[in-house]
C-alpha atoms as a PDB file:
ATOM      1  CA  UNK A   1       1.315   1.697 -14.966  1.00  0.00           C
ATOM      2  CA  UNK A   2      -1.791   1.593 -12.768  1.00  0.00           C
ATOM      3  CA  UNK A   3      -3.503   3.647  -9.807  1.00  0.00           C
ATOM      4  CA  UNK A   4      -5.576   3.026  -6.822  1.00  0.00           C
ATOM      5  CA  UNK A   5      -6.240   5.146  -3.840  1.00  0.00           C
ATOM      6  CA  UNK A   6      -4.961   4.048  -0.512  1.00  0.00           C
ATOM      7  CA  UNK A   7      -5.398   5.309   3.146  1.00  0.00           C
ATOM      8  CA  UNK A   8      -2.750   7.297   4.784  1.00  0.00           C
ATOM      9  CA  UNK A   9      -1.529   6.856   8.282  1.00  0.00           C
ATOM     10  CA  UNK A  10       0.741   8.536  10.396  1.00  0.00           C
ATOM     11  CA  UNK A  11       4.056   6.645  11.589  1.00  0.00           C
ATOM     12  CA  UNK A  12       2.829   7.020  15.021  1.00  0.00           C
ATOM     13  CA  UNK A  13      -0.542   4.979  14.455  1.00  0.00           C
ATOM     14  CA  UNK A  14      -0.565   1.431  16.197  1.00  0.00           C
ATOM     15  CA  UNK A  15      -0.470  -1.533  13.919  1.00  0.00           C
ATOM     16  CA  UNK A  16      -4.038  -2.840  15.156  1.00  0.00           C
ATOM     17  CA  UNK A  17      -5.626   0.675  14.047  1.00  0.00           C
ATOM     18  CA  UNK A  18      -4.085   0.333  10.700  1.00  0.00           C
ATOM     19  CA  UNK A  19      -4.869  -3.112   9.804  1.00  0.00           C
ATOM     20  CA  UNK A  20      -8.658  -2.107  10.851  1.00  0.00           C
ATOM     21  CA  UNK A  21      -8.321   1.201   8.638  1.00  0.00           C
ATOM     22  CA  UNK A  22      -6.962  -0.959   5.742  1.00  0.00           C
ATOM     23  CA  UNK A  23      -9.841  -3.109   5.846  1.00  0.00           C
ATOM     24  CA  UNK A  24     -12.596  -0.233   6.314  1.00  0.00           C
ATOM     25  CA  UNK A  25     -11.259   1.043   2.697  1.00  0.00           C
ATOM     26  CA  UNK A  26     -11.407  -2.533   1.286  1.00  0.00           C
ATOM     27  CA  UNK A  27      -7.579  -2.404   0.538  1.00  0.00           C
ATOM     28  CA  UNK A  28      -4.757  -4.878   1.229  1.00  0.00           C
ATOM     29  CA  UNK A  29      -1.946  -2.145   1.938  1.00  0.00           C
ATOM     30  CA  UNK A  30      -1.504   1.201   3.193  1.00  0.00           C
ATOM     31  CA  UNK A  31       0.533   4.536   3.118  1.00  0.00           C
ATOM     32  CA  UNK A  32       2.687   5.354   5.877  1.00  0.00           C
ATOM     33  CA  UNK A  33       3.471   9.068   6.366  1.00  0.00           C
ATOM     34  CA  UNK A  34       5.922  10.769   8.729  1.00  0.00           C
ATOM     35  CA  UNK A  35       4.971  13.947  10.766  1.00  0.00           C
ATOM     36  CA  UNK A  36       4.959  16.438   8.007  1.00  0.00           C
ATOM     37  CA  UNK A  37       3.952  13.858   5.152  1.00  0.00           C
ATOM     38  CA  UNK A  38       7.138  14.452   2.884  1.00  0.00           C
ATOM     39  CA  UNK A  39       8.436  11.057   3.247  1.00  0.00           C
ATOM     40  CA  UNK A  40       5.954   8.069   2.499  1.00  0.00           C
ATOM     41  CA  UNK A  41       6.015   4.096   2.274  1.00  0.00           C
ATOM     42  CA  UNK A  42       3.761   1.386   1.156  1.00  0.00           C
ATOM     43  CA  UNK A  43       3.169  -1.195   3.946  1.00  0.00           C
ATOM     44  CA  UNK A  44       1.183  -4.272   2.573  1.00  0.00           C
ATOM     45  CA  UNK A  45      -1.211  -6.146   4.435  1.00  0.00           C
ATOM     46  CA  UNK A  46       1.169  -9.597   4.759  1.00  0.00           C
ATOM     47  CA  UNK A  47       4.032  -7.071   6.423  1.00  0.00           C
ATOM     48  CA  UNK A  48       1.359  -5.248   8.627  1.00  0.00           C
ATOM     49  CA  UNK A  49       0.167  -8.940  10.013  1.00  0.00           C
ATOM     50  CA  UNK A  50       3.727 -10.278   9.997  1.00  0.00           C
ATOM     51  CA  UNK A  51       4.531  -7.297  12.702  1.00  0.00           C
ATOM     52  CA  UNK A  52       1.616  -7.584  14.480  1.00  0.00           C
ATOM     53  CA  UNK A  53       2.395 -11.340  15.155  1.00  0.00           C
ATOM     54  CA  UNK A  54       6.012 -10.392  16.197  1.00  0.00           C
ATOM     55  CA  UNK A  55       4.807  -8.080  18.743  1.00  0.00           C
ATOM     56  CA  UNK A  56       5.888  -4.776  16.969  1.00  0.00           C
ATOM     57  CA  UNK A  57       3.429  -1.368  18.037  1.00  0.00           C
ATOM     58  CA  UNK A  58       3.664   1.332  15.860  1.00  0.00           C
ATOM     59  CA  UNK A  59       4.202   1.476  11.657  1.00  0.00           C
ATOM     60  CA  UNK A  60       7.312   3.417  12.215  1.00  0.00           C
ATOM     61  CA  UNK A  61       8.778  -0.263  13.675  1.00  0.00           C
ATOM     62  CA  UNK A  62       8.081  -1.901  10.588  1.00  0.00           C
ATOM     63  CA  UNK A  63      11.093  -2.241   8.386  1.00  0.00           C
ATOM     64  CA  UNK A  64       9.388  -4.096   5.399  1.00  0.00           C
ATOM     65  CA  UNK A  65       7.973  -1.161   3.799  1.00  0.00           C
ATOM     66  CA  UNK A  66       8.780   0.485   0.108  1.00  0.00           C
ATOM     67  CA  UNK A  67       9.248   4.142  -0.607  1.00  0.00           C
ATOM     68  CA  UNK A  68       6.689   6.166  -2.196  1.00  0.00           C
ATOM     69  CA  UNK A  69       8.513   8.814  -4.553  1.00  0.00           C
ATOM     70  CA  UNK A  70       6.236  12.159  -4.236  1.00  0.00           C
ATOM     71  CA  UNK A  71       5.688  13.946  -7.640  1.00  0.00           C
ATOM     72  CA  UNK A  72       6.614  17.470  -8.007  1.00  0.00           C
ATOM     73  CA  UNK A  73       4.605  20.138  -9.945  1.00  0.00           C
ATOM     74  CA  UNK A  74       7.136  20.601 -12.094  1.00  0.00           C
ATOM     75  CA  UNK A  75       7.889  16.698 -13.106  1.00  0.00           C
ATOM     76  CA  UNK A  76       4.127  16.545 -13.677  1.00  0.00           C
ATOM     77  CA  UNK A  77       4.295  19.377 -16.141  1.00  0.00           C
ATOM     78  CA  UNK A  78       7.715  18.599 -17.742  1.00  0.00           C
ATOM     79  CA  UNK A  79       6.399  14.982 -18.177  1.00  0.00           C
ATOM     80  CA  UNK A  80       2.860  15.688 -18.977  1.00  0.00           C
ATOM     81  CA  UNK A  81       1.426  13.474 -16.390  1.00  0.00           C
ATOM     82  CA  UNK A  82      -2.056  13.372 -16.062  1.00  0.00           C
ATOM     83  CA  UNK A  83      -2.828  12.990 -11.961  1.00  0.00           C
ATOM     84  CA  UNK A  84      -6.566  12.742 -11.771  1.00  0.00           C
ATOM     85  CA  UNK A  85      -6.834  10.201 -14.599  1.00  0.00           C
ATOM     86  CA  UNK A  86      -3.029   8.715 -14.522  1.00  0.00           C
ATOM     87  CA  UNK A  87      -4.226   5.991 -17.327  1.00  0.00           C
ATOM     88  CA  UNK A  88      -4.666   8.888 -19.960  1.00  0.00           C
ATOM     89  CA  UNK A  89      -1.153   9.315 -19.910  1.00  0.00           C
ATOM     90  CA  UNK A  90       0.352   5.979 -19.060  1.00  0.00           C
ATOM     91  CA  UNK A  91       3.058   6.034 -21.834  1.00  0.00           C
ATOM     92  CA  UNK A  92       4.291   8.816 -20.135  1.00  0.00           C
ATOM     93  CA  UNK A  93       4.131   7.343 -16.809  1.00  0.00           C
ATOM     94  CA  UNK A  94       6.176   4.406 -18.619  1.00  0.00           C
ATOM     95  CA  UNK A  95       8.850   6.711 -19.838  1.00  0.00           C
ATOM     96  CA  UNK A  96       9.120   8.476 -16.492  1.00  0.00           C
ATOM     97  CA  UNK A  97       9.201   5.296 -14.498  1.00  0.00           C
ATOM     98  CA  UNK A  98      11.998   4.040 -16.985  1.00  0.00           C
ATOM     99  CA  UNK A  99      14.198   7.068 -15.569  1.00  0.00           C
ATOM    100  CA  UNK A 100      13.525   6.174 -11.860  1.00  0.00           C
ATOM    101  CA  UNK A 101      13.769   3.394  -9.744  1.00  0.00           C
ATOM    102  CA  UNK A 102      10.489   3.795  -7.995  1.00  0.00           C
ATOM    103  CA  UNK A 103       7.854   1.320  -7.722  1.00  0.00           C
ATOM    104  CA  UNK A 104       5.233   3.991  -6.505  1.00  0.00           C
ATOM    105  CA  UNK A 105       4.395   7.209  -7.257  1.00  0.00           C
ATOM    106  CA  UNK A 106       2.014   9.958  -5.780  1.00  0.00           C
ATOM    107  CA  UNK A 107       0.883  13.545  -5.958  1.00  0.00           C
ATOM    108  CA  UNK A 108      -0.098  15.044  -2.640  1.00  0.00           C
ATOM    109  CA  UNK A 109      -2.846  13.680  -0.759  1.00  0.00           C
ATOM    110  CA  UNK A 110      -6.760  14.614   0.299  1.00  0.00           C
ATOM    111  CA  UNK A 111      -8.782  13.915   3.043  1.00  0.00           C
ATOM    112  CA  UNK A 112     -12.266  12.305   3.009  1.00  0.00           C
ATOM    113  CA  UNK A 113     -14.144  13.450   6.102  1.00  0.00           C
ATOM    114  CA  UNK A 114     -16.728  10.467   6.052  1.00  0.00           C
ATOM    115  CA  UNK A 115     -14.166   8.094   5.292  1.00  0.00           C
ATOM    116  CA  UNK A 116     -11.716   9.442   7.883  1.00  0.00           C
ATOM    117  CA  UNK A 117     -14.220   9.509  10.526  1.00  0.00           C
ATOM    118  CA  UNK A 118     -15.158   6.032  10.013  1.00  0.00           C
ATOM    119  CA  UNK A 119     -11.313   4.663  10.059  1.00  0.00           C
ATOM    120  CA  UNK A 120     -10.195   6.555  12.974  1.00  0.00           C
ATOM    121  CA  UNK A 121      -6.423   7.674  12.622  1.00  0.00           C
ATOM    122  CA  UNK A 122      -6.359   7.793   8.979  1.00  0.00           C
ATOM    123  CA  UNK A 123      -4.817  11.332   7.658  1.00  0.00           C
ATOM    124  CA  UNK A 124      -6.430  10.890   4.283  1.00  0.00           C
ATOM    125  CA  UNK A 125      -6.325   9.317   0.961  1.00  0.00           C
ATOM    126  CA  UNK A 126      -3.731   9.306  -1.790  1.00  0.00           C
ATOM    127  CA  UNK A 127      -3.730   8.268  -5.154  1.00  0.00           C
ATOM    128  CA  UNK A 128      -0.721   5.821  -5.662  1.00  0.00           C
ATOM    129  CA  UNK A 129       0.513   5.109  -9.203  1.00  0.00           C
ATOM    130  CA  UNK A 130       2.352   1.972  -9.457  1.00  0.00           C
ATOM    131  CA  UNK A 131       4.935   0.692 -11.961  1.00  0.00           C
ATOM    132  CA  UNK A 132       3.304  -2.576 -12.637  1.00  0.00           C
ATOM    133  CA  UNK A 133      -0.455  -3.757 -12.503  1.00  0.00           C
ATOM    134  CA  UNK A 134       0.896  -6.833 -10.308  1.00  0.00           C
ATOM    135  CA  UNK A 135       1.701  -4.055  -7.629  1.00  0.00           C
ATOM    136  CA  UNK A 136      -1.833  -2.638  -8.040  1.00  0.00           C
ATOM    137  CA  UNK A 137      -2.844  -6.045  -7.435  1.00  0.00           C
ATOM    138  CA  UNK A 138      -1.064  -6.665  -4.589  1.00  0.00           C
ATOM    139  CA  UNK A 139      -2.460  -3.657  -2.731  1.00  0.00           C
ATOM    140  CA  UNK A 140      -6.249  -3.735  -3.763  1.00  0.00           C
ATOM    141  CA  UNK A 141      -6.828  -7.338  -3.424  1.00  0.00           C
ATOM    142  CA  UNK A 142      -8.193  -7.530   0.632  1.00  0.00           C
ATOM    143  CA  UNK A 143      -8.666 -10.996   1.916  1.00  0.00           C
ATOM    144  CA  UNK A 144      -8.125 -13.181   5.210  1.00  0.00           C
ATOM    145  CA  UNK A 145      -4.940 -14.765   4.329  1.00  0.00           C
ATOM    146  CA  UNK A 146      -1.479 -13.730   2.708  1.00  0.00           C
ATOM    147  CA  UNK A 147       1.347 -15.539   1.329  1.00  0.00           C
ATOM    148  CA  UNK A 148       4.790 -14.606   3.152  1.00  0.00           C
ATOM    149  CA  UNK A 149       6.706 -15.624  -0.210  1.00  0.00           C
ATOM    150  CA  UNK A 150       7.704 -13.667  -2.921  1.00  0.00           C
ATOM    151  CA  UNK A 151       4.701 -12.541  -4.401  1.00  0.00           C
ATOM    152  CA  UNK A 152       2.908 -12.074  -1.512  1.00  0.00           C
ATOM    153  CA  UNK A 153      -0.530 -13.188  -2.870  1.00  0.00           C
ATOM    154  CA  UNK A 154      -3.996 -13.188  -1.148  1.00  0.00           C
ATOM    155  CA  UNK A 155      -6.376 -16.122  -0.754  1.00  0.00           C
ATOM    156  CA  UNK A 156      -9.781 -16.560   1.359  1.00  0.00           C
ATOM    157  CA  UNK A 157      -9.940 -19.245   4.221  1.00  0.00           C
ATOM    158  CA  UNK A 158      -9.950 -22.104   3.720  1.00  0.00           C
ATOM    159  CA  UNK A 159      -7.643 -23.538   2.142  1.00  0.00           C
ATOM    160  CA  UNK A 160      -5.130 -22.628   4.691  1.00  0.00           C
ATOM    161  CA  UNK A 161      -5.190 -21.187   8.283  1.00  0.00           C
ATOM    162  CA  UNK A 162      -2.442 -19.038   9.937  1.00  0.00           C
ATOM    163  CA  UNK A 163       1.028 -20.666   9.964  1.00  0.00           C
ATOM    164  CA  UNK A 164       0.344 -23.237   7.261  1.00  0.00           C
ATOM    165  CA  UNK A 165       2.433 -23.694   4.070  1.00  0.00           C
ATOM    166  CA  UNK A 166       1.136 -21.975   1.226  1.00  0.00           C
ATOM    167  CA  UNK A 167      -1.126 -24.192  -0.836  1.00  0.00           C
ATOM    168  CA  UNK A 168      -0.313 -22.774  -3.948  1.00  0.00           C
ATOM    169  CA  UNK A 169       3.286 -23.905  -3.930  1.00  0.00           C
ATOM    170  CA  UNK A 170       5.139 -21.139  -3.227  1.00  0.00           C
ATOM    171  CA  UNK A 171       6.911 -22.545  -0.082  1.00  0.00           C
ATOM    172  CA  UNK A 172       6.496 -20.132   2.546  1.00  0.00           C
ATOM    173  CA  UNK A 173       3.901 -19.946   5.384  1.00  0.00           C
ATOM    174  CA  UNK A 174       0.712 -18.497   5.390  1.00  0.00           C
ATOM    175  CA  UNK A 175      -0.441 -15.352   7.523  1.00  0.00           C
ATOM    176  CA  UNK A 176      -3.763 -14.525   8.518  1.00  0.00           C
ATOM    177  CA  UNK A 177      -5.690 -11.904  10.650  1.00  0.00           C
END
């Protein structure tokens, strides 16, 4: 279980704007939220870049995303989950994750005026609690290039450029911005 802060964008945000905002927050993923912010999804950098290459226009057009479960106040109280410092109750989160198929949790989101102004279309920021540290690492390791394979790891240029086979032996291609 790990926590990180990600920018939240509307489903109607264009992919280039979301990529720019993701880079402004030094992340390798974003949260897409629908109009009423009741449904949310994680979109990783590699999927943003692939969608851009395919000619997709909006975040809503991206199919490769993972649902983020919203924690309710009742769940937080019942399971004694700390939402400000989630690591303080990591065992409670482990137990909670064990009872669900979710990989990502959140409890609302907050705006940061300075960063919102800098990033343009970002709705705000949210704390994402991940089931595993590797999921956190995939979202908090910004880079120039990403492997499109199973683990979607990141790396700086060189050793590869856009379209190359992954130099780390993943037998997948590399996508770069």
